[in-house]
C-alpha cells in the first residue's frame, strides 16, 4: 500500500462558477437541494472545488516518444562528442525498440507537471549541462529554446533545468522550459511555450516544415501546421524515486501501473453508483482515496467525518462512476471530501 501526505484543503470562499466547460468534463451543476444541518443548499460548485475535482489538462507524467505528425520521424537528442557542445533536438528515424539502459534512449522524453502550470519536458541523458553535477532522483536537463538568439529562430536544445528565484527543485523549469501540452486532435499534440504571448504564442516546430531526416527543431509562431503537431507515444511511467517530490507537489502519486492524480475536493459529494461503503479512520480521506486508486473498479470516492449526517464514525464510499458533483454547503467544509481517480 502506498502512503502519501495530502493536506486538507483550506476553507474555500463560496463563489459562483462561471468558467467555460472543458471538453470531456461534466457540465456545471446546481447544489442538490436538501436539508444539511438545518440549511438548504443552493447554487453551483465553486471554481476552487472544480479545480480540485478535475485533473489539469495535459499528458500523464511519464516517458514518451514524440513522433512528428507531418514526417513520421521521432524527436531525437543529437549528442556531440565535444564535451561543451550543446545537445539539439532533431527529427530522426524512430528506434524499433527501447534500449534496456535508459540513458541510451536518445528519443525518450519525460513529461513532468510544473507547479506554475503546464509541463517541463526532461531529457534522458547522464550529462548535466550548465556545469551542475547530476543529482540522484532528478532529471536535470530540460527541453528549452536557445538563449540569446538575435537573428533567426532559436533552435530547441537540451539545457540544465533552471530554478526560478525563491523556488526549490520542485519548481524547476524557467519560462523557456515550460510548455502547455495541448491536445489538438485524437493523437496530435501541440508543444506551446507557456510564457509566450497568448495572442500569438510560440510552438516547437520543425525548421522550415522540412520532412528531411536530421532537420532540427526550432521555436516558431504557432500556426496549426502538421510540423508543429506531435504524436505522444507512452513508453513507461517514471520510476518511483524519480522526481517524486515534484510530482507530489502537483498531486501525482506513484502506483504499480503508473502515477494517478489524487486531489480531494472540500465540501463536495458525488452521485455515481456506489459499490462499497464502510467505516474508516479519521484521516481526512487519505486511506479512502489512496486505496481507491489501487482498485480497478473504483473510479471515485467520498469520505465523511464522524458526526456528518449523524454517522458515529468516519465513512468511506467507493464508486464505480463519479456521477455528478454536489456542493453540500459551507457548513460541510472539513466534514466531506470527494475525488475522482484520473
C-alpha atoms as a PDB file:
ATOM      1  CA  UNK A   1       0.000   0.000   0.000  1.00  0.00           C
ATOM      2  CA  UNK A   2       1.306   3.430  -0.837  1.00  0.00           C
ATOM      3  CA  UNK A   3       1.127   6.343   1.573  1.00  0.00           C
ATOM      4  CA  UNK A   4       1.327   9.999   0.608  1.00  0.00           C
ATOM      5  CA  UNK A   5       0.701  13.018   2.767  1.00  0.00           C
ATOM      6  CA  UNK A   6      -2.171  15.045   1.354  1.00  0.00           C
ATOM      7  CA  UNK A   7      -3.066  18.055   3.485  1.00  0.00           C
ATOM      8  CA  UNK A   8      -6.629  19.178   3.936  1.00  0.00           C
ATOM      9  CA  UNK A   9      -7.705  21.875   1.551  1.00  0.00           C
ATOM     10  CA  UNK A  10      -8.129  25.243   3.212  1.00  0.00           C
ATOM     11  CA  UNK A  11     -11.654  26.538   3.774  1.00  0.00           C
ATOM     12  CA  UNK A  12     -12.951  27.835   0.468  1.00  0.00           C
ATOM     13  CA  UNK A  13     -14.829  31.059  -0.129  1.00  0.00           C
ATOM     14  CA  UNK A  14     -18.247  30.420  -1.661  1.00  0.00           C
ATOM     15  CA  UNK A  15     -18.497  31.929  -5.131  1.00  0.00           C
ATOM     16  CA  UNK A  16     -20.378  31.123  -8.363  1.00  0.00           C
ATOM     17  CA  UNK A  17     -18.563  29.213 -11.038  1.00  0.00           C
ATOM     18  CA  UNK A  18     -18.691  30.857 -14.456  1.00  0.00           C
ATOM     19  CA  UNK A  19     -15.705  29.406 -16.343  1.00  0.00           C
ATOM     20  CA  UNK A  20     -16.331  27.703 -19.672  1.00  0.00           C
ATOM     21  CA  UNK A  21     -16.760  23.957 -19.569  1.00  0.00           C
ATOM     22  CA  UNK A  22     -13.706  21.982 -20.723  1.00  0.00           C
ATOM     23  CA  UNK A  23     -14.298  19.258 -23.261  1.00  0.00           C
ATOM     24  CA  UNK A  24     -14.934  15.943 -21.541  1.00  0.00           C
ATOM     25  CA  UNK A  25     -15.850  17.496 -18.197  1.00  0.00           C
ATOM     26  CA  UNK A  26     -19.418  17.291 -16.891  1.00  0.00           C
ATOM     27  CA  UNK A  27     -21.468  20.497 -17.091  1.00  0.00           C
ATOM     28  CA  UNK A  28     -21.616  22.728 -14.032  1.00  0.00           C
ATOM     29  CA  UNK A  29     -24.360  21.615 -11.665  1.00  0.00           C
ATOM     30  CA  UNK A  30     -26.543  23.259  -9.061  1.00  0.00           C
ATOM     31  CA  UNK A  31     -26.316  22.093  -5.477  1.00  0.00           C
ATOM     32  CA  UNK A  32     -28.553  19.233  -4.545  1.00  0.00           C
ATOM     33  CA  UNK A  33     -31.409  20.966  -2.693  1.00  0.00           C
ATOM     34  CA  UNK A  34     -31.976  19.294   0.630  1.00  0.00           C
ATOM     35  CA  UNK A  35     -31.589  19.780   4.362  1.00  0.00           C
ATOM     36  CA  UNK A  36     -27.974  19.708   5.522  1.00  0.00           C
ATOM     37  CA  UNK A  37     -27.549  20.538   9.211  1.00  0.00           C
ATOM     38  CA  UNK A  38     -30.712  22.596   9.105  1.00  0.00           C
ATOM     39  CA  UNK A  39     -29.682  24.528   5.983  1.00  0.00           C
ATOM     40  CA  UNK A  40     -30.760  24.405   2.339  1.00  0.00           C
ATOM     41  CA  UNK A  41     -28.044  24.450  -0.308  1.00  0.00           C
ATOM     42  CA  UNK A  42     -28.481  26.489  -3.476  1.00  0.00           C
ATOM     43  CA  UNK A  43     -26.036  27.364  -6.263  1.00  0.00           C
ATOM     44  CA  UNK A  44     -23.202  25.764  -8.255  1.00  0.00           C
ATOM     45  CA  UNK A  45     -19.948  24.151  -7.232  1.00  0.00           C
ATOM     46  CA  UNK A  46     -17.227  26.739  -6.810  1.00  0.00           C
ATOM     47  CA  UNK A  47     -14.287  27.257  -9.137  1.00  0.00           C
ATOM     48  CA  UNK A  48     -11.930  26.044  -6.396  1.00  0.00           C
ATOM     49  CA  UNK A  49     -13.932  22.849  -5.951  1.00  0.00           C
ATOM     50  CA  UNK A  50     -13.965  22.232  -9.668  1.00  0.00           C
ATOM     51  CA  UNK A  51     -10.197  22.762  -9.882  1.00  0.00           C
ATOM     52  CA  UNK A  52      -9.691  20.239  -7.082  1.00  0.00           C
ATOM     53  CA  UNK A  53     -12.070  17.714  -8.622  1.00  0.00           C
ATOM     54  CA  UNK A  54     -10.921  17.640 -12.263  1.00  0.00           C
ATOM     55  CA  UNK A  55      -7.423  16.881 -13.410  1.00  0.00           C
ATOM     56  CA  UNK A  56      -5.474  19.608 -15.248  1.00  0.00           C
ATOM     57  CA  UNK A  57      -5.194  19.102 -18.974  1.00  0.00           C
ATOM     58  CA  UNK A  58      -2.096  17.533 -20.443  1.00  0.00           C
ATOM     59  CA  UNK A  59      -0.384  14.149 -20.623  1.00  0.00           C
ATOM     60  CA  UNK A  60       0.077  11.823 -17.697  1.00  0.00           C
ATOM     61  CA  UNK A  61       3.602  12.069 -16.210  1.00  0.00           C
ATOM     62  CA  UNK A  62       5.980   9.518 -17.687  1.00  0.00           C
ATOM     63  CA  UNK A  63       8.338   8.739 -20.546  1.00  0.00           C
ATOM     64  CA  UNK A  64       7.147   9.306 -24.110  1.00  0.00           C
ATOM     65  CA  UNK A  65       8.372   9.184 -27.665  1.00  0.00           C
ATOM     66  CA  UNK A  66       7.382  12.225 -29.708  1.00  0.00           C
ATOM     67  CA  UNK A  67       6.685  11.488 -33.356  1.00  0.00           C
ATOM     68  CA  UNK A  68       6.334  14.473 -35.703  1.00  0.00           C
ATOM     69  CA  UNK A  69       2.925  14.307 -37.355  1.00  0.00           C
ATOM     70  CA  UNK A  70       3.958  15.507 -40.840  1.00  0.00           C
ATOM     71  CA  UNK A  71       7.096  13.367 -41.263  1.00  0.00           C
ATOM     72  CA  UNK A  72       6.600  10.364 -39.010  1.00  0.00           C
ATOM     73  CA  UNK A  73      10.099  10.804 -37.576  1.00  0.00           C
ATOM     74  CA  UNK A  74      10.777  10.850 -33.834  1.00  0.00           C
ATOM     75  CA  UNK A  75      12.329  13.689 -31.889  1.00  0.00           C
ATOM     76  CA  UNK A  76      15.871  12.769 -31.033  1.00  0.00           C
ATOM     77  CA  UNK A  77      18.540  14.378 -28.856  1.00  0.00           C
ATOM     78  CA  UNK A  78      21.564  14.809 -31.116  1.00  0.00           C
ATOM     79  CA  UNK A  79      24.652  14.348 -28.977  1.00  0.00           C
ATOM     80  CA  UNK A  80      28.023  15.769 -29.922  1.00  0.00           C
ATOM     81  CA  UNK A  81      31.353  14.199 -28.991  1.00  0.00           C
ATOM     82  CA  UNK A  82      32.652  17.607 -27.941  1.00  0.00           C
ATOM     83  CA  UNK A  83      32.323  17.956 -24.142  1.00  0.00           C
ATOM     84  CA  UNK A  84      31.000  21.519 -24.313  1.00  0.00           C
ATOM     85  CA  UNK A  85      28.732  21.078 -27.347  1.00  0.00           C
ATOM     86  CA  UNK A  86      25.052  21.784 -26.773  1.00  0.00           C
ATOM     87  CA  UNK A  87      22.678  18.929 -27.455  1.00  0.00           C
ATOM     88  CA  UNK A  88      19.981  19.731 -30.005  1.00  0.00           C
ATOM     89  CA  UNK A  89      16.605  18.248 -30.851  1.00  0.00           C
ATOM     90  CA  UNK A  90      16.227  16.848 -34.362  1.00  0.00           C
ATOM     91  CA  UNK A  91      13.793  14.600 -36.204  1.00  0.00           C
ATOM     92  CA  UNK A  92      15.253  11.196 -36.835  1.00  0.00           C
ATOM     93  CA  UNK A  93      14.316   7.597 -37.597  1.00  0.00           C
ATOM     94  CA  UNK A  94      12.459   6.068 -34.662  1.00  0.00           C
ATOM     95  CA  UNK A  95      14.240   3.273 -32.806  1.00  0.00           C
ATOM     96  CA  UNK A  96      12.428  -0.058 -33.237  1.00  0.00           C
ATOM     97  CA  UNK A  97      12.775  -0.982 -29.549  1.00  0.00           C
ATOM     98  CA  UNK A  98      13.501   0.591 -26.190  1.00  0.00           C
ATOM     99  CA  UNK A  99      17.141   0.076 -25.160  1.00  0.00           C
ATOM    100  CA  UNK A 100      17.450  -1.560 -21.697  1.00  0.00           C
ATOM    101  CA  UNK A 101      19.860   1.110 -20.436  1.00  0.00           C
ATOM    102  CA  UNK A 102      17.596   4.141 -20.089  1.00  0.00           C
ATOM    103  CA  UNK A 103      20.320   6.742 -20.708  1.00  0.00           C
ATOM    104  CA  UNK A 104      20.958   5.286 -24.178  1.00  0.00           C
ATOM    105  CA  UNK A 105      17.443   6.073 -25.400  1.00  0.00           C
ATOM    106  CA  UNK A 106      18.047   9.371 -27.182  1.00  0.00           C
ATOM    107  CA  UNK A 107      14.397   9.728 -28.159  1.00  0.00           C
ATOM    108  CA  UNK A 108      12.747   9.347 -24.753  1.00  0.00           C
ATOM    109  CA  UNK A 109      11.374  12.463 -23.069  1.00  0.00           C
ATOM    110  CA  UNK A 110       9.929  12.693 -19.565  1.00  0.00           C
ATOM    111  CA  UNK A 111       6.864  14.907 -19.095  1.00  0.00           C
ATOM    112  CA  UNK A 112       6.869  16.391 -15.582  1.00  0.00           C
ATOM    113  CA  UNK A 113       3.996  18.638 -14.385  1.00  0.00           C
ATOM    114  CA  UNK A 114       5.101  22.142 -13.419  1.00  0.00           C
ATOM    115  CA  UNK A 115       3.600  23.922 -10.374  1.00  0.00           C
ATOM    116  CA  UNK A 116       3.149  27.102 -12.417  1.00  0.00           C
ATOM    117  CA  UNK A 117       1.054  25.178 -14.957  1.00  0.00           C
ATOM    118  CA  UNK A 118       1.885  23.051 -17.956  1.00  0.00           C
ATOM    119  CA  UNK A 119       4.886  20.737 -18.059  1.00  0.00           C
ATOM    120  CA  UNK A 120       8.630  20.743 -18.190  1.00  0.00           C
ATOM    121  CA  UNK A 121       9.938  18.234 -20.722  1.00  0.00           C
ATOM    122  CA  UNK A 122      13.011  16.482 -19.378  1.00  0.00           C
ATOM    123  CA  UNK A 123      15.740  14.886 -21.463  1.00  0.00           C
ATOM    124  CA  UNK A 124      17.071  11.430 -20.609  1.00  0.00           C
ATOM    125  CA  UNK A 125      20.835  11.961 -20.527  1.00  0.00           C
ATOM    126  CA  UNK A 126      23.552  11.284 -17.946  1.00  0.00           C
ATOM    127  CA  UNK A 127      25.344  14.571 -18.715  1.00  0.00           C
ATOM    128  CA  UNK A 128      24.065  17.684 -16.940  1.00  0.00           C
ATOM    129  CA  UNK A 129      24.564  20.938 -18.781  1.00  0.00           C
ATOM    130  CA  UNK A 130      25.271  24.354 -17.256  1.00  0.00           C
ATOM    131  CA  UNK A 131      28.034  22.982 -15.037  1.00  0.00           C
ATOM    132  CA  UNK A 132      25.872  21.211 -12.436  1.00  0.00           C
ATOM    133  CA  UNK A 133      26.552  17.723 -11.173  1.00  0.00           C
ATOM    134  CA  UNK A 134      23.857  15.048 -11.572  1.00  0.00           C
ATOM    135  CA  UNK A 135      21.614  14.578  -8.525  1.00  0.00           C
ATOM    136  CA  UNK A 136      20.040  11.178  -7.787  1.00  0.00           C
ATOM    137  CA  UNK A 137      16.286  11.209  -8.280  1.00  0.00           C
ATOM    138  CA  UNK A 138      16.356  14.257 -10.557  1.00  0.00           C
ATOM    139  CA  UNK A 139      16.024  14.597 -14.318  1.00  0.00           C
ATOM    140  CA  UNK A 140      18.359  17.542 -14.616  1.00  0.00           C
ATOM    141  CA  UNK A 141      18.059  18.603 -18.270  1.00  0.00           C
ATOM    142  CA  UNK A 142      15.085  20.405 -19.806  1.00  0.00           C
ATOM    143  CA  UNK A 143      13.928  20.993 -23.350  1.00  0.00           C
ATOM    144  CA  UNK A 144      14.404  24.724 -23.925  1.00  0.00           C
ATOM    145  CA  UNK A 145      14.864  27.332 -26.653  1.00  0.00           C
ATOM    146  CA  UNK A 146      18.426  28.531 -27.189  1.00  0.00           C
ATOM    147  CA  UNK A 147      19.027  31.785 -25.293  1.00  0.00           C
ATOM    148  CA  UNK A 148      20.486  34.974 -26.716  1.00  0.00           C
ATOM    149  CA  UNK A 149      19.403  34.429 -30.325  1.00  0.00           C
ATOM    150  CA  UNK A 150      19.285  37.755 -32.200  1.00  0.00           C
ATOM    151  CA  UNK A 151      18.826  36.718 -35.828  1.00  0.00           C
ATOM    152  CA  UNK A 152      16.582  33.879 -36.980  1.00  0.00           C
ATOM    153  CA  UNK A 153      14.583  31.409 -34.927  1.00  0.00           C
ATOM    154  CA  UNK A 154      16.018  29.879 -31.756  1.00  0.00           C
ATOM    155  CA  UNK A 155      16.769  26.190 -32.022  1.00  0.00           C
ATOM    156  CA  UNK A 156      15.426  23.742 -29.433  1.00  0.00           C
ATOM    157  CA  UNK A 157      18.115  22.352 -27.151  1.00  0.00           C
ATOM    158  CA  UNK A 158      18.701  20.254 -24.051  1.00  0.00           C
ATOM    159  CA  UNK A 159      19.942  22.504 -21.241  1.00  0.00           C
ATOM    160  CA  UNK A 160      20.183  22.202 -17.500  1.00  0.00           C
ATOM    161  CA  UNK A 161      16.828  22.971 -15.906  1.00  0.00           C
ATOM    162  CA  UNK A 162      16.803  26.428 -14.345  1.00  0.00           C
ATOM    163  CA  UNK A 163      15.208  27.003 -10.947  1.00  0.00           C
ATOM    164  CA  UNK A 164      13.325  30.333 -10.695  1.00  0.00           C
ATOM    165  CA  UNK A 165      14.229  32.569  -7.771  1.00  0.00           C
ATOM    166  CA  UNK A 166      12.670  31.568  -4.484  1.00  0.00           C
ATOM    167  CA  UNK A 167      11.794  28.089  -5.732  1.00  0.00           C
ATOM    168  CA  UNK A 168      13.073  24.651  -4.776  1.00  0.00           C
ATOM    169  CA  UNK A 169      13.890  21.962  -7.320  1.00  0.00           C
ATOM    170  CA  UNK A 170      10.189  21.021  -7.448  1.00  0.00           C
ATOM    171  CA  UNK A 171       9.679  24.294  -9.363  1.00  0.00           C
ATOM    172  CA  UNK A 172      12.495  23.637 -11.860  1.00  0.00           C
ATOM    173  CA  UNK A 173      11.897  24.939 -15.360  1.00  0.00           C
ATOM    174  CA  UNK A 174      12.085  28.617 -16.287  1.00  0.00           C
ATOM    175  CA  UNK A 175       9.776  30.396 -18.731  1.00  0.00           C
ATOM    176  CA  UNK A 176      11.619  28.975 -21.766  1.00  0.00           C
ATOM    177  CA  UNK A 177      11.441  25.463 -20.289  1.00  0.00           C
ATOM    178  CA  UNK A 178       7.732  25.270 -19.501  1.00  0.00           C
ATOM    179  CA  UNK A 179       5.171  24.118 -22.053  1.00  0.00           C
ATOM    180  CA  UNK A 180       1.418  23.945 -22.404  1.00  0.00           C
ATOM    181  CA  UNK A 181       0.961  20.492 -23.909  1.00  0.00           C
ATOM    182  CA  UNK A 182      -2.351  20.776 -25.692  1.00  0.00           C
ATOM    183  CA  UNK A 183      -4.222  18.013 -27.471  1.00  0.00           C
ATOM    184  CA  UNK A 184      -5.444  19.394 -30.798  1.00  0.00           C
ATOM    185  CA  UNK A 185      -6.795  16.096 -32.241  1.00  0.00           C
ATOM    186  CA  UNK A 186      -7.111  12.480 -31.033  1.00  0.00           C
ATOM    187  CA  UNK A 187      -3.343  11.870 -31.414  1.00  0.00           C
ATOM    188  CA  UNK A 188      -1.921  15.272 -32.232  1.00  0.00           C
ATOM    189  CA  UNK A 189      -0.409  17.447 -29.524  1.00  0.00           C
ATOM    190  CA  UNK A 190       0.998  20.955 -29.644  1.00  0.00           C
ATOM    191  CA  UNK A 191       4.020  21.955 -27.517  1.00  0.00           C
ATOM    192  CA  UNK A 192       3.367  25.620 -26.813  1.00  0.00           C
ATOM    193  CA  UNK A 193       5.731  27.811 -24.791  1.00  0.00           C
ATOM    194  CA  UNK A 194       3.732  28.675 -21.687  1.00  0.00           C
ATOM    195  CA  UNK A 195       5.258  32.131 -21.301  1.00  0.00           C
ATOM    196  CA  UNK A 196       4.773  33.258 -24.917  1.00  0.00           C
ATOM    197  CA  UNK A 197       2.225  35.872 -25.930  1.00  0.00           C
ATOM    198  CA  UNK A 198      -1.260  34.392 -25.551  1.00  0.00           C
ATOM    199  CA  UNK A 199      -2.452  36.211 -28.700  1.00  0.00           C
ATOM    200  CA  UNK A 200       0.492  34.986 -30.802  1.00  0.00           C
ATOM    201  CA  UNK A 201       2.077  32.036 -28.965  1.00  0.00           C
ATOM    202  CA  UNK A 202       5.239  30.183 -29.945  1.00  0.00           C
ATOM    203  CA  UNK A 203       5.458  26.438 -30.561  1.00  0.00           C
ATOM    204  CA  UNK A 204       8.125  23.823 -31.095  1.00  0.00           C
ATOM    205  CA  UNK A 205       8.305  23.264 -34.859  1.00  0.00           C
ATOM    206  CA  UNK A 206      10.440  21.501 -37.456  1.00  0.00           C
ATOM    207  CA  UNK A 207      12.692  24.044 -39.155  1.00  0.00           C
ATOM    208  CA  UNK A 208      11.117  25.157 -42.428  1.00  0.00           C
ATOM    209  CA  UNK A 209       8.475  22.432 -42.174  1.00  0.00           C
ATOM    210  CA  UNK A 210      11.055  20.062 -43.668  1.00  0.00           C
ATOM    211  CA  UNK A 211      10.498  16.321 -43.901  1.00  0.00           C
ATOM    212  CA  UNK A 212      14.233  15.647 -44.249  1.00  0.00           C
ATOM    213  CA  UNK A 213      15.988  13.309 -41.865  1.00  0.00           C
ATOM    214  CA  UNK A 214      18.080  15.172 -39.292  1.00  0.00           C
ATOM    215  CA  UNK A 215      16.268  18.532 -39.520  1.00  0.00           C
ATOM    216  CA  UNK A 216      16.457  20.384 -36.229  1.00  0.00           C
ATOM    217  CA  UNK A 217      13.597  21.766 -34.152  1.00  0.00           C
ATOM    218  CA  UNK A 218      13.064  25.483 -33.614  1.00  0.00           C
ATOM    219  CA  UNK A 219      10.873  27.960 -31.777  1.00  0.00           C
ATOM    220  CA  UNK A 220       8.291  29.364 -34.183  1.00  0.00           C
ATOM    221  CA  UNK A 221       4.921  31.077 -34.056  1.00  0.00           C
ATOM    222  CA  UNK A 222       2.095  28.576 -33.652  1.00  0.00           C
ATOM    223  CA  UNK A 223       0.268  28.153 -36.961  1.00  0.00           C
ATOM    224  CA  UNK A 224      -1.501  24.798 -36.650  1.00  0.00           C
ATOM    225  CA  UNK A 225       0.616  23.094 -39.303  1.00  0.00           C
ATOM    226  CA  UNK A 226       1.472  19.401 -39.034  1.00  0.00           C
ATOM    227  CA  UNK A 227       5.173  20.125 -38.456  1.00  0.00           C
ATOM    228  CA  UNK A 228       4.098  21.627 -35.085  1.00  0.00           C
ATOM    229  CA  UNK A 229       1.980  18.631 -34.074  1.00  0.00           C
ATOM    230  CA  UNK A 230       3.320  15.558 -32.323  1.00  0.00           C
ATOM    231  CA  UNK A 231       2.081  12.073 -31.574  1.00  0.00           C
ATOM    232  CA  UNK A 232       2.826  11.243 -27.932  1.00  0.00           C
ATOM    233  CA  UNK A 233       3.603   7.544 -27.575  1.00  0.00           C
ATOM    234  CA  UNK A 234       3.507   6.360 -23.960  1.00  0.00           C
ATOM    235  CA  UNK A 235       6.545   4.227 -23.100  1.00  0.00           C
ATOM    236  CA  UNK A 236       6.658   3.807 -19.312  1.00  0.00           C
ATOM    237  CA  UNK A 237       5.990   5.619 -16.033  1.00  0.00           C
ATOM    238  CA  UNK A 238       8.742   7.372 -14.126  1.00  0.00           C
ATOM    239  CA  UNK A 239      10.437   5.225 -11.506  1.00  0.00           C
ATOM    240  CA  UNK A 240       9.015   5.820  -8.019  1.00  0.00           C
ATOM    241  CA  UNK A 241      12.243   7.531  -6.905  1.00  0.00           C
ATOM    242  CA  UNK A 242      12.431   9.907  -9.896  1.00  0.00           C
ATOM    243  CA  UNK A 243      11.065  13.439  -9.339  1.00  0.00           C
ATOM    244  CA  UNK A 244       8.789  12.093  -6.608  1.00  0.00           C
ATOM    245  CA  UNK A 245       8.601  15.411  -4.707  1.00  0.00           C
ATOM    246  CA  UNK A 246       7.939  17.319  -7.933  1.00  0.00           C
ATOM    247  CA  UNK A 247       5.066  15.025  -8.860  1.00  0.00           C
ATOM    248  CA  UNK A 248       3.626  15.063  -5.343  1.00  0.00           C
ATOM    249  CA  UNK A 249       3.554  18.869  -5.412  1.00  0.00           C
ATOM    250  CA  UNK A 250       1.287  18.607  -8.457  1.00  0.00           C
ATOM    251  CA  UNK A 251      -0.801  15.876  -6.735  1.00  0.00           C
ATOM    252  CA  UNK A 252       0.501  12.969  -8.804  1.00  0.00           C
ATOM    253  CA  UNK A 253       1.358   9.830  -6.835  1.00  0.00           C
ATOM    254  CA  UNK A 254       3.044   6.566  -7.924  1.00  0.00           C
ATOM    255  CA  UNK A 255       1.167   3.276  -8.250  1.00  0.00           C
ATOM    256  CA  UNK A 256       2.019  -0.067  -9.816  1.00  0.00           C
ATOM    257  CA  UNK A 257       0.640   0.919 -13.230  1.00  0.00           C
ATOM    258  CA  UNK A 258       1.933   4.500 -13.190  1.00  0.00           C
ATOM    259  CA  UNK A 259       1.011   7.761 -11.474  1.00  0.00           C
ATOM    260  CA  UNK A 260      -2.525   8.849 -10.630  1.00  0.00           C
ATOM    261  CA  UNK A 261      -3.740  12.362  -9.908  1.00  0.00           C
ATOM    262  CA  UNK A 262      -5.337  12.423  -6.453  1.00  0.00           C
ATOM    263  CA  UNK A 263      -6.965  15.598  -5.204  1.00  0.00           C
ATOM    264  CA  UNK A 264      -9.686  15.897  -2.537  1.00  0.00           C
ATOM    265  CA  UNK A 265     -12.472  18.431  -3.166  1.00  0.00           C
ATOM    266  CA  UNK A 266     -13.672  20.003   0.087  1.00  0.00           C
ATOM    267  CA  UNK A 267     -17.428  20.113   0.697  1.00  0.00           C
ATOM    268  CA  UNK A 268     -18.254  18.053  -2.418  1.00  0.00           C
ATOM    269  CA  UNK A 269     -20.396  14.926  -2.654  1.00  0.00           C
ATOM    270  CA  UNK A 270     -20.796  12.675  -5.729  1.00  0.00           C
ATOM    271  CA  UNK A 271     -23.833  10.861  -7.112  1.00  0.00           C
ATOM    272  CA  UNK A 272     -22.235   7.983  -9.031  1.00  0.00           C
ATOM    273  CA  UNK A 273     -23.053   4.349  -8.388  1.00  0.00           C
ATOM    274  CA  UNK A 274     -21.589   3.220  -5.076  1.00  0.00           C
ATOM    275  CA  UNK A 275     -20.334  -0.332  -4.670  1.00  0.00           C
ATOM    276  CA  UNK A 276     -18.780  -0.204  -1.206  1.00  0.00           C
ATOM    277  CA  UNK A 277     -19.424   1.855   1.939  1.00  0.00           C
ATOM    278  CA  UNK A 278     -17.658   1.179   5.216  1.00  0.00           C
ATOM    279  CA  UNK A 279     -16.407   2.739   8.444  1.00  0.00           C
ATOM    280  CA  UNK A 280     -12.853   4.038   8.226  1.00  0.00           C
ATOM    281  CA  UNK A 281     -10.344   6.196  10.113  1.00  0.00           C
ATOM    282  CA  UNK A 282     -10.257   9.930  10.839  1.00  0.00           C
ATOM    283  CA  UNK A 283      -7.530  10.862   8.351  1.00  0.00           C
ATOM    284  CA  UNK A 284      -9.412  13.295   6.115  1.00  0.00           C
ATOM    285  CA  UNK A 285      -9.958  10.596   3.495  1.00  0.00           C
ATOM    286  CA  UNK A 286      -6.323   9.710   2.779  1.00  0.00           C
ATOM    287  CA  UNK A 287      -6.791   5.947   3.051  1.00  0.00           C
ATOM    288  CA  UNK A 288     -10.140   6.044   1.242  1.00  0.00           C
ATOM    289  CA  UNK A 289      -8.545   7.967  -1.629  1.00  0.00           C
ATOM    290  CA  UNK A 290      -5.271   6.024  -1.902  1.00  0.00           C
ATOM    291  CA  UNK A 291      -6.918   2.625  -1.759  1.00  0.00           C
ATOM    292  CA  UNK A 292      -9.497   3.652  -4.354  1.00  0.00           C
ATOM    293  CA  UNK A 293      -6.659   4.436  -6.770  1.00  0.00           C
ATOM    294  CA  UNK A 294      -5.353   0.876  -6.350  1.00  0.00           C
ATOM    295  CA  UNK A 295      -8.684  -0.782  -7.188  1.00  0.00           C
ATOM    296  CA  UNK A 296      -9.670  -1.307 -10.814  1.00  0.00           C
ATOM    297  CA  UNK A 297     -13.395  -0.883 -10.163  1.00  0.00           C
ATOM    298  CA  UNK A 298     -13.052   2.262  -8.056  1.00  0.00           C
ATOM    299  CA  UNK A 299     -13.355   5.449 -10.112  1.00  0.00           C
ATOM    300  CA  UNK A 300     -14.353   7.930  -7.406  1.00  0.00           C
ATOM    301  CA  UNK A 301     -14.543   8.176  -3.631  1.00  0.00           C
ATOM    302  CA  UNK A 302     -16.174  10.165  -0.834  1.00  0.00           C
ATOM    303  CA  UNK A 303     -15.058  10.456   2.789  1.00  0.00           C
ATOM    304  CA  UNK A 304     -17.208  11.909   5.565  1.00  0.00           C
ATOM    305  CA  UNK A 305     -16.188  12.737   9.122  1.00  0.00           C
ATOM    306  CA  UNK A 306     -17.752  11.325  12.269  1.00  0.00           C
ATOM    307  CA  UNK A 307     -20.923  13.254  13.050  1.00  0.00           C
ATOM    308  CA  UNK A 308     -21.699  14.063   9.441  1.00  0.00           C
ATOM    309  CA  UNK A 309     -25.362  13.191   8.965  1.00  0.00           C
ATOM    310  CA  UNK A 310     -25.303  11.618  12.429  1.00  0.00           C
ATOM    311  CA  UNK A 311     -22.758   8.921  11.498  1.00  0.00           C
ATOM    312  CA  UNK A 312     -20.931   7.637  14.580  1.00  0.00           C
ATOM    313  CA  UNK A 313     -17.620   7.147  12.726  1.00  0.00           C
ATOM    314  CA  UNK A 314     -15.914   8.375   9.546  1.00  0.00           C
ATOM    315  CA  UNK A 315     -17.319   6.726   6.418  1.00  0.00           C
ATOM    316  CA  UNK A 316     -15.607   5.864   3.108  1.00  0.00           C
ATOM    317  CA  UNK A 317     -17.677   5.313  -0.032  1.00  0.00           C
ATOM    318  CA  UNK A 318     -16.221   3.900  -3.247  1.00  0.00           C
ATOM    319  CA  UNK A 319     -17.999   4.426  -6.551  1.00  0.00           C
ATOM    320  CA  UNK A 320     -17.781   2.701  -9.921  1.00  0.00           C
ATOM    321  CA  UNK A 321     -18.507   6.058 -11.582  1.00  0.00           C
ATOM    322  CA  UNK A 322     -18.200   9.629 -10.381  1.00  0.00           C
ATOM    323  CA  UNK A 323     -21.656  10.843 -11.331  1.00  0.00           C
ATOM    324  CA  UNK A 324     -22.475  14.488 -10.677  1.00  0.00           C
ATOM    325  CA  UNK A 325     -20.659  16.719  -8.187  1.00  0.00           C
ATOM    326  CA  UNK A 326     -22.825  18.244  -5.465  1.00  0.00           C
ATOM    327  CA  UNK A 327     -21.731  21.086  -3.238  1.00  0.00           C
ATOM    328  CA  UNK A 328     -23.000  20.388   0.268  1.00  0.00           C
ATOM    329  CA  UNK A 329     -22.662  23.937   1.594  1.00  0.00           C
ATOM    330  CA  UNK A 330     -20.198  25.878   3.706  1.00  0.00           C
ATOM    331  CA  UNK A 331     -21.145  24.041   6.882  1.00  0.00           C
ATOM    332  CA  UNK A 332     -19.866  20.805   5.319  1.00  0.00           C
ATOM    333  CA  UNK A 333     -16.294  22.059   4.796  1.00  0.00           C
ATOM    334  CA  UNK A 334     -13.836  19.778   6.548  1.00  0.00           C
ATOM    335  CA  UNK A 335     -16.558  17.158   7.013  1.00  0.00           C
ATOM    336  CA  UNK A 336     -16.872  15.759   3.491  1.00  0.00           C
ATOM    337  CA  UNK A 337     -14.251  15.309   0.772  1.00  0.00           C
ATOM    338  CA  UNK A 338     -14.599  13.633  -2.627  1.00  0.00           C
ATOM    339  CA  UNK A 339     -12.310  12.877  -5.536  1.00  0.00           C
ATOM    340  CA  UNK A 340     -12.119  11.257  -8.950  1.00  0.00           C
ATOM    341  CA  UNK A 341      -9.272   8.884  -9.812  1.00  0.00           C
ATOM    342  CA  UNK A 342      -7.595  10.016 -13.042  1.00  0.00           C
END
